[in-house]
Amino acid sequence: MDKKFLDLVSQILHVDPAKLTEDATTETLPEWDSLNHWAVISALEDEYGIEFTMDEATEFKNLGHIYTILMQKAAHTT
C-alpha cells in the first residue's frame, strides 16, 4: 500500500498510518465504523478517479483488498 492511500485513509479514520496494515478490518480498527467506511470509499473514488460497485464496496475483506481493487481500477483509467 502506498503513502498516498495510507495518508488518505488515516485522515478519514483519524488514526496513525502505522496502524493501517493490509489485514486491517472494521473489527481490528474501532475507528472504521460503517459511516467512515463509506467516507473512505467516497474519498478513494474522488482521489483516484474510479468507482467501486456496490458489491465491491460492501464485500471488501480488509484494507489490502480495497487497495488491490483500487489499483486494478486505477490502472484501467489511465
PDB file of N, CA and C in Angstrom:
ATOM      1  N   MET A   1       0.852  -1.171   0.000  1.00  0.00           N
ATOM      2  CA  MET A   1       0.000   0.000   0.000  1.00  0.00           C
ATOM      3  C   MET A   1       0.896   1.232   0.000  1.00  0.00           C
ATOM      4  N   ASP A   2       0.554   2.188  -0.833  1.00  0.00           N
ATOM      5  CA  ASP A   2       1.417   3.363  -0.954  1.00  0.00           C
ATOM      6  C   ASP A   2       1.031   4.470   0.033  1.00  0.00           C
ATOM      7  N   LYS A   3       1.921   5.434   0.131  1.00  0.00           N
ATOM      8  CA  LYS A   3       1.766   6.525   1.096  1.00  0.00           C
ATOM      9  C   LYS A   3       0.489   7.330   0.844  1.00  0.00           C
ATOM     10  N   LYS A   4       0.197   7.620  -0.404  1.00  0.00           N
ATOM     11  CA  LYS A   4      -0.998   8.405  -0.750  1.00  0.00           C
ATOM     12  C   LYS A   4      -2.258   7.716  -0.218  1.00  0.00           C
ATOM     13  N   PHE A   5      -2.370   6.427  -0.448  1.00  0.00           N
ATOM     14  CA  PHE A   5      -3.512   5.638   0.007  1.00  0.00           C
ATOM     15  C   PHE A   5      -3.590   5.636   1.534  1.00  0.00           C
ATOM     16  N   LEU A   6      -2.473   5.327   2.173  1.00  0.00           N
ATOM     17  CA  LEU A   6      -2.449   5.257   3.638  1.00  0.00           C
ATOM     18  C   LEU A   6      -2.757   6.609   4.274  1.00  0.00           C
ATOM     19  N   ASP A   7      -2.205   7.679   3.707  1.00  0.00           N
ATOM     20  CA  ASP A   7      -2.468   9.014   4.252  1.00  0.00           C
ATOM     21  C   ASP A   7      -3.942   9.377   4.142  1.00  0.00           C
ATOM     22  N   LEU A   8      -4.547   9.073   3.012  1.00  0.00           N
ATOM     23  CA  LEU A   8      -5.957   9.396   2.818  1.00  0.00           C
ATOM     24  C   LEU A   8      -6.840   8.623   3.806  1.00  0.00           C
ATOM     25  N   VAL A   9      -6.611   7.327   3.905  1.00  0.00           N
ATOM     26  CA  VAL A   9      -7.410   6.507   4.817  1.00  0.00           C
ATOM     27  C   VAL A   9      -7.177   6.932   6.266  1.00  0.00           C
ATOM     28  N   SER A  10      -5.933   7.206   6.619  1.00  0.00           N
ATOM     29  CA  SER A  10      -5.645   7.588   8.007  1.00  0.00           C
ATOM     30  C   SER A  10      -6.290   8.924   8.367  1.00  0.00           C
ATOM     31  N   GLN A  11      -6.377   9.848   7.411  1.00  0.00           N
ATOM     32  CA  GLN A  11      -7.032  11.129   7.670  1.00  0.00           C
ATOM     33  C   GLN A  11      -8.520  10.937   7.953  1.00  0.00           C
ATOM     34  N   ILE A  12      -9.155  10.073   7.190  1.00  0.00           N
ATOM     35  CA  ILE A  12     -10.593   9.853   7.361  1.00  0.00           C
ATOM     36  C   ILE A  12     -10.884   9.130   8.675  1.00  0.00           C
ATOM     37  N   LEU A  13     -10.064   8.134   8.976  1.00  0.00           N
ATOM     38  CA  LEU A  13     -10.289   7.349  10.195  1.00  0.00           C
ATOM     39  C   LEU A  13      -9.688   7.994  11.439  1.00  0.00           C
ATOM     40  N   HIS A  14      -8.882   9.031  11.250  1.00  0.00           N
ATOM     41  CA  HIS A  14      -8.204   9.708  12.357  1.00  0.00           C
ATOM     42  C   HIS A  14      -7.340   8.732  13.157  1.00  0.00           C
ATOM     43  N   VAL A  15      -6.519   7.977  12.418  1.00  0.00           N
ATOM     44  CA  VAL A  15      -5.585   7.040  13.046  1.00  0.00           C
ATOM     45  C   VAL A  15      -4.202   7.244  12.451  1.00  0.00           C
ATOM     46  N   ASP A  16      -3.206   6.794  13.171  1.00  0.00           N
ATOM     47  CA  ASP A  16      -1.839   6.823  12.695  1.00  0.00           C
ATOM     48  C   ASP A  16      -1.720   5.877  11.501  1.00  0.00           C
ATOM     49  N   PRO A  17      -1.118   6.329  10.393  1.00  0.00           N
ATOM     50  CA  PRO A  17      -0.970   5.443   9.235  1.00  0.00           C
ATOM     51  C   PRO A  17      -0.270   4.124   9.575  1.00  0.00           C
ATOM     52  N   ALA A  18       0.545   4.109  10.607  1.00  0.00           N
ATOM     53  CA  ALA A  18       1.244   2.884  11.010  1.00  0.00           C
ATOM     54  C   ALA A  18       0.266   1.798  11.475  1.00  0.00           C
ATOM     55  N   LYS A  19      -0.930   2.191  11.886  1.00  0.00           N
ATOM     56  CA  LYS A  19      -1.944   1.216  12.314  1.00  0.00           C
ATOM     57  C   LYS A  19      -2.642   0.554  11.133  1.00  0.00           C
ATOM     58  N   LEU A  20      -2.414   1.099   9.928  1.00  0.00           N
ATOM     59  CA  LEU A  20      -3.128   0.625   8.747  1.00  0.00           C
ATOM     60  C   LEU A  20      -2.323  -0.454   8.023  1.00  0.00           C
ATOM     61  N   THR A  21      -2.570  -1.675   8.403  1.00  0.00           N
ATOM     62  CA  THR A  21      -1.908  -2.808   7.768  1.00  0.00           C
ATOM     63  C   THR A  21      -2.841  -3.410   6.718  1.00  0.00           C
ATOM     64  N   GLU A  22      -2.282  -4.246   5.868  1.00  0.00           N
ATOM     65  CA  GLU A  22      -3.090  -4.866   4.822  1.00  0.00           C
ATOM     66  C   GLU A  22      -4.235  -5.692   5.388  1.00  0.00           C
ATOM     67  N   ASP A  23      -4.025  -6.287   6.549  1.00  0.00           N
ATOM     68  CA  ASP A  23      -5.066  -7.131   7.132  1.00  0.00           C
ATOM     69  C   ASP A  23      -5.994  -6.383   8.093  1.00  0.00           C
ATOM     70  N   ALA A  24      -5.888  -5.045   8.146  1.00  0.00           N
ATOM     71  CA  ALA A  24      -6.774  -4.247   8.996  1.00  0.00           C
ATOM     72  C   ALA A  24      -8.215  -4.368   8.508  1.00  0.00           C
ATOM     73  N   THR A  25      -9.130  -4.509   9.449  1.00  0.00           N
ATOM     74  CA  THR A  25     -10.555  -4.631   9.137  1.00  0.00           C
ATOM     75  C   THR A  25     -11.356  -3.723  10.057  1.00  0.00           C
ATOM     76  N   THR A  26     -12.652  -3.703   9.825  1.00  0.00           N
ATOM     77  CA  THR A  26     -13.536  -2.936  10.714  1.00  0.00           C
ATOM     78  C   THR A  26     -13.531  -3.525  12.116  1.00  0.00           C
ATOM     79  N   GLU A  27     -13.159  -4.784  12.238  1.00  0.00           N
ATOM     80  CA  GLU A  27     -13.087  -5.422  13.558  1.00  0.00           C
ATOM     81  C   GLU A  27     -11.807  -5.075  14.308  1.00  0.00           C
ATOM     82  N   THR A  28     -10.726  -4.813  13.573  1.00  0.00           N
ATOM     83  CA  THR A  28      -9.447  -4.513  14.229  1.00  0.00           C
ATOM     84  C   THR A  28      -9.219  -3.009  14.423  1.00  0.00           C
ATOM     85  N   LEU A  29      -9.997  -2.191  13.717  1.00  0.00           N
ATOM     86  CA  LEU A  29      -9.894  -0.733  13.855  1.00  0.00           C
ATOM     87  C   LEU A  29     -11.252  -0.176  14.277  1.00  0.00           C
ATOM     88  N   PRO A  30     -11.434   0.119  15.550  1.00  0.00           N
ATOM     89  CA  PRO A  30     -12.729   0.628  16.016  1.00  0.00           C
ATOM     90  C   PRO A  30     -13.158   1.924  15.309  1.00  0.00           C
ATOM     91  N   GLU A  31     -12.178   2.693  14.837  1.00  0.00           N
ATOM     92  CA  GLU A  31     -12.484   3.955  14.149  1.00  0.00           C
ATOM     93  C   GLU A  31     -13.147   3.712  12.793  1.00  0.00           C
ATOM     94  N   TRP A  32     -13.009   2.508  12.276  1.00  0.00           N
ATOM     95  CA  TRP A  32     -13.523   2.172  10.952  1.00  0.00           C
ATOM     96  C   TRP A  32     -14.950   1.647  11.098  1.00  0.00           C
ATOM     97  N   ASP A  33     -15.868   2.561  11.380  1.00  0.00           N
ATOM     98  CA  ASP A  33     -17.270   2.183  11.504  1.00  0.00           C
ATOM     99  C   ASP A  33     -17.956   2.293  10.140  1.00  0.00           C
ATOM    100  N   SER A  34     -19.244   2.018  10.100  1.00  0.00           N
ATOM    101  CA  SER A  34     -19.941   1.989   8.807  1.00  0.00           C
ATOM    102  C   SER A  34     -19.950   3.360   8.127  1.00  0.00           C
ATOM    103  N   LEU A  35     -20.097   4.418   8.886  1.00  0.00           N
ATOM    104  CA  LEU A  35     -20.081   5.751   8.302  1.00  0.00           C
ATOM    105  C   LEU A  35     -18.711   6.066   7.718  1.00  0.00           C
ATOM    106  N   ASN A  36     -17.667   5.766   8.460  1.00  0.00           N
ATOM    107  CA  ASN A  36     -16.316   6.014   7.963  1.00  0.00           C
ATOM    108  C   ASN A  36     -15.969   5.112   6.787  1.00  0.00           C
ATOM    109  N   HIS A  37     -16.552   3.928   6.738  1.00  0.00           N
ATOM    110  CA  HIS A  37     -16.314   3.049   5.593  1.00  0.00           C
ATOM    111  C   HIS A  37     -16.739   3.746   4.301  1.00  0.00           C
ATOM    112  N   TRP A  38     -17.936   4.324   4.321  1.00  0.00           N
ATOM    113  CA  TRP A  38     -18.425   4.997   3.118  1.00  0.00           C
ATOM    114  C   TRP A  38     -17.640   6.279   2.839  1.00  0.00           C
ATOM    115  N   ALA A  39     -17.151   6.934   3.867  1.00  0.00           N
ATOM    116  CA  ALA A  39     -16.300   8.115   3.667  1.00  0.00           C
ATOM    117  C   ALA A  39     -14.991   7.716   2.991  1.00  0.00           C
ATOM    118  N   VAL A  40     -14.413   6.577   3.400  1.00  0.00           N
ATOM    119  CA  VAL A  40     -13.182   6.073   2.779  1.00  0.00           C
ATOM    120  C   VAL A  40     -13.445   5.744   1.312  1.00  0.00           C
ATOM    121  N   ILE A  41     -14.517   5.017   1.046  1.00  0.00           N
ATOM    122  CA  ILE A  41     -14.851   4.634  -0.328  1.00  0.00           C
ATOM    123  C   ILE A  41     -15.009   5.876  -1.200  1.00  0.00           C
ATOM    124  N   SER A  42     -15.775   6.839  -0.721  1.00  0.00           N
ATOM    125  CA  SER A  42     -16.015   8.063  -1.485  1.00  0.00           C
ATOM    126  C   SER A  42     -14.728   8.841  -1.742  1.00  0.00           C
ATOM    127  N   ALA A  43     -13.904   8.978  -0.726  1.00  0.00           N
ATOM    128  CA  ALA A  43     -12.649   9.718  -0.863  1.00  0.00           C
ATOM    129  C   ALA A  43     -11.707   9.026  -1.853  1.00  0.00           C
ATOM    130  N   LEU A  44     -11.651   7.700  -1.796  1.00  0.00           N
ATOM    131  CA  LEU A  44     -10.797   6.964  -2.732  1.00  0.00           C
ATOM    132  C   LEU A  44     -11.310   7.116  -4.159  1.00  0.00           C
ATOM    133  N   GLU A  45     -12.608   7.050  -4.347  1.00  0.00           N
ATOM    134  CA  GLU A  45     -13.175   7.233  -5.681  1.00  0.00           C
ATOM    135  C   GLU A  45     -12.830   8.616  -6.222  1.00  0.00           C
ATOM    136  N   ASP A  46     -12.983   9.634  -5.393  1.00  0.00           N
ATOM    137  CA  ASP A  46     -12.679  11.005  -5.815  1.00  0.00           C
ATOM    138  C   ASP A  46     -11.198  11.187  -6.114  1.00  0.00           C
ATOM    139  N   GLU A  47     -10.360  10.707  -5.223  1.00  0.00           N
ATOM    140  CA  GLU A  47      -8.918  10.911  -5.357  1.00  0.00           C
ATOM    141  C   GLU A  47      -8.327  10.167  -6.553  1.00  0.00           C
ATOM    142  N   TYR A  48      -8.817   8.957  -6.801  1.00  0.00           N
ATOM    143  CA  TYR A  48      -8.234   8.129  -7.855  1.00  0.00           C
ATOM    144  C   TYR A  48      -9.050   8.125  -9.147  1.00  0.00           C
ATOM    145  N   GLY A  49     -10.186   8.810  -9.172  1.00  0.00           N
ATOM    146  CA  GLY A  49     -10.995   8.897 -10.378  1.00  0.00           C
ATOM    147  C   GLY A  49     -11.585   7.566 -10.820  1.00  0.00           C
ATOM    148  N   ILE A  50     -11.995   6.761  -9.851  1.00  0.00           N
ATOM    149  CA  ILE A  50     -12.582   5.450 -10.140  1.00  0.00           C
ATOM    150  C   ILE A  50     -13.927   5.347  -9.429  1.00  0.00           C
ATOM    151  N   GLU A  51     -14.648   4.258  -9.713  1.00  0.00           N
ATOM    152  CA  GLU A  51     -15.880   3.972  -8.984  1.00  0.00           C
ATOM    153  C   GLU A  51     -15.891   2.506  -8.583  1.00  0.00           C
ATOM    154  N   PHE A  52     -16.209   2.273  -7.337  1.00  0.00           N
ATOM    155  CA  PHE A  52     -16.416   0.910  -6.863  1.00  0.00           C
ATOM    156  C   PHE A  52     -17.882   0.556  -7.092  1.00  0.00           C
ATOM    157  N   THR A  53     -18.150  -0.699  -7.427  1.00  0.00           N
ATOM    158  CA  THR A  53     -19.537  -1.142  -7.493  1.00  0.00           C
ATOM    159  C   THR A  53     -20.054  -1.277  -6.062  1.00  0.00           C
ATOM    160  N   MET A  54     -21.355  -1.331  -5.917  1.00  0.00           N
ATOM    161  CA  MET A  54     -21.936  -1.509  -4.589  1.00  0.00           C
ATOM    162  C   MET A  54     -21.475  -2.838  -3.993  1.00  0.00           C
ATOM    163  N   ASP A  55     -21.419  -3.884  -4.819  1.00  0.00           N
ATOM    164  CA  ASP A  55     -20.948  -5.185  -4.333  1.00  0.00           C
ATOM    165  C   ASP A  55     -19.515  -5.093  -3.828  1.00  0.00           C
ATOM    166  N   GLU A  56     -18.646  -4.431  -4.589  1.00  0.00           N
ATOM    167  CA  GLU A  56     -17.257  -4.279  -4.146  1.00  0.00           C
ATOM    168  C   GLU A  56     -17.198  -3.525  -2.822  1.00  0.00           C
ATOM    169  N   ALA A  57     -17.899  -2.433  -2.750  1.00  0.00           N
ATOM    170  CA  ALA A  57     -17.850  -1.572  -1.568  1.00  0.00           C
ATOM    171  C   ALA A  57     -18.347  -2.261  -0.309  1.00  0.00           C
ATOM    172  N   THR A  58     -19.246  -3.226  -0.473  1.00  0.00           N
ATOM    173  CA  THR A  58     -19.792  -3.901   0.703  1.00  0.00           C
ATOM    174  C   THR A  58     -19.118  -5.235   1.005  1.00  0.00           C
ATOM    175  N   GLU A  59     -18.285  -5.716   0.094  1.00  0.00           N
ATOM    176  CA  GLU A  59     -17.684  -7.030   0.282  1.00  0.00           C
ATOM    177  C   GLU A  59     -16.171  -7.016   0.496  1.00  0.00           C
ATOM    178  N   PHE A  60     -15.590  -5.840   0.651  1.00  0.00           N
ATOM    179  CA  PHE A  60     -14.152  -5.783   0.907  1.00  0.00           C
ATOM    180  C   PHE A  60     -13.819  -6.574   2.157  1.00  0.00           C
ATOM    181  N   LYS A  61     -12.752  -7.376   2.087  1.00  0.00           N
ATOM    182  CA  LYS A  61     -12.352  -8.224   3.209  1.00  0.00           C
ATOM    183  C   LYS A  61     -11.483  -7.476   4.224  1.00  0.00           C
ATOM    184  N   ASN A  62     -10.610  -6.595   3.714  1.00  0.00           N
ATOM    185  CA  ASN A  62      -9.682  -5.853   4.572  1.00  0.00           C
ATOM    186  C   ASN A  62      -9.105  -4.696   3.774  1.00  0.00           C
ATOM    187  N   LEU A  63      -8.230  -3.931   4.393  1.00  0.00           N
ATOM    188  CA  LEU A  63      -7.662  -2.759   3.745  1.00  0.00           C
ATOM    189  C   LEU A  63      -6.822  -3.144   2.527  1.00  0.00           C
ATOM    190  N   GLY A  64      -6.093  -4.236   2.622  1.00  0.00           N
ATOM    191  CA  GLY A  64      -5.302  -4.700   1.486  1.00  0.00           C
ATOM    192  C   GLY A  64      -6.170  -5.046   0.291  1.00  0.00           C
ATOM    193  N   HIS A  65      -7.339  -5.613   0.547  1.00  0.00           N
ATOM    194  CA  HIS A  65      -8.276  -5.956  -0.530  1.00  0.00           C
ATOM    195  C   HIS A  65      -8.780  -4.684  -1.213  1.00  0.00           C
ATOM    196  N   ILE A  66      -9.110  -3.669  -0.437  1.00  0.00           N
ATOM    197  CA  ILE A  66      -9.532  -2.389  -1.007  1.00  0.00           C
ATOM    198  C   ILE A  66      -8.429  -1.841  -1.903  1.00  0.00           C
ATOM    199  N   TYR A  67      -7.194  -1.873  -1.405  1.00  0.00           N
ATOM    200  CA  TYR A  67      -6.080  -1.330  -2.164  1.00  0.00           C
ATOM    201  C   TYR A  67      -5.865  -2.097  -3.474  1.00  0.00           C
ATOM    202  N   THR A  68      -5.957  -3.405  -3.424  1.00  0.00           N
ATOM    203  CA  THR A  68      -5.764  -4.219  -4.625  1.00  0.00           C
ATOM    204  C   THR A  68      -6.798  -3.876  -5.694  1.00  0.00           C
ATOM    205  N   ILE A  69      -8.069  -3.819  -5.303  1.00  0.00           N
ATOM    206  CA  ILE A  69      -9.126  -3.495  -6.264  1.00  0.00           C
ATOM    207  C   ILE A  69      -8.953  -2.060  -6.773  1.00  0.00           C
ATOM    208  N   LEU A  70      -8.599  -1.150  -5.879  1.00  0.00           N
ATOM    209  CA  LEU A  70      -8.367   0.236  -6.263  1.00  0.00           C
ATOM    210  C   LEU A  70      -7.272   0.331  -7.329  1.00  0.00           C
ATOM    211  N   MET A  71      -6.169  -0.356  -7.113  1.00  0.00           N
ATOM    212  CA  MET A  71      -5.061  -0.300  -8.066  1.00  0.00           C
ATOM    213  C   MET A  71      -5.444  -0.935  -9.410  1.00  0.00           C
ATOM    214  N   GLN A  72      -6.234  -1.990  -9.378  1.00  0.00           N
ATOM    215  CA  GLN A  72      -6.705  -2.602 -10.625  1.00  0.00           C
ATOM    216  C   GLN A  72      -7.573  -1.621 -11.403  1.00  0.00           C
ATOM    217  N   LYS A  73      -8.473  -0.948 -10.714  1.00  0.00           N
ATOM    218  CA  LYS A  73      -9.361   0.011 -11.367  1.00  0.00           C
ATOM    219  C   LYS A  73      -8.583   1.230 -11.854  1.00  0.00           C
ATOM    220  N   ALA A  74      -7.658   1.715 -11.048  1.00  0.00           N
ATOM    221  CA  ALA A  74      -6.869   2.895 -11.422  1.00  0.00           C
ATOM    222  C   ALA A  74      -6.018   2.605 -12.653  1.00  0.00           C
ATOM    223  N   ALA A  75      -5.516   1.396 -12.777  1.00  0.00           N
ATOM    224  CA  ALA A  75      -4.692   1.019 -13.936  1.00  0.00           C
ATOM    225  C   ALA A  75      -5.505   1.062 -15.227  1.00  0.00           C
ATOM    226  N   HIS A  76      -6.816   0.814 -15.124  1.00  0.00           N
ATOM    227  CA  HIS A  76      -7.668   0.795 -16.311  1.00  0.00           C
ATOM    228  C   HIS A  76      -8.169   2.183 -16.697  1.00  0.00           C
ATOM    229  N   THR A  77      -7.967   3.167 -15.835  1.00  0.00           N
ATOM    230  CA  THR A  77      -8.450   4.526 -16.142  1.00  0.00           C
ATOM    231  C   THR A  77      -7.378   5.390 -16.775  1.00  0.00           C
ATOM    232  N   THR A  78      -6.141   4.892 -16.793  1.00  0.00           N
ATOM    233  CA  THR A  78      -5.065   5.710 -17.360  1.00  0.00           C
ATOM    234  C   THR A  78      -4.749   5.308 -18.767  1.00  0.00           C
TER     235      THR A  78
END
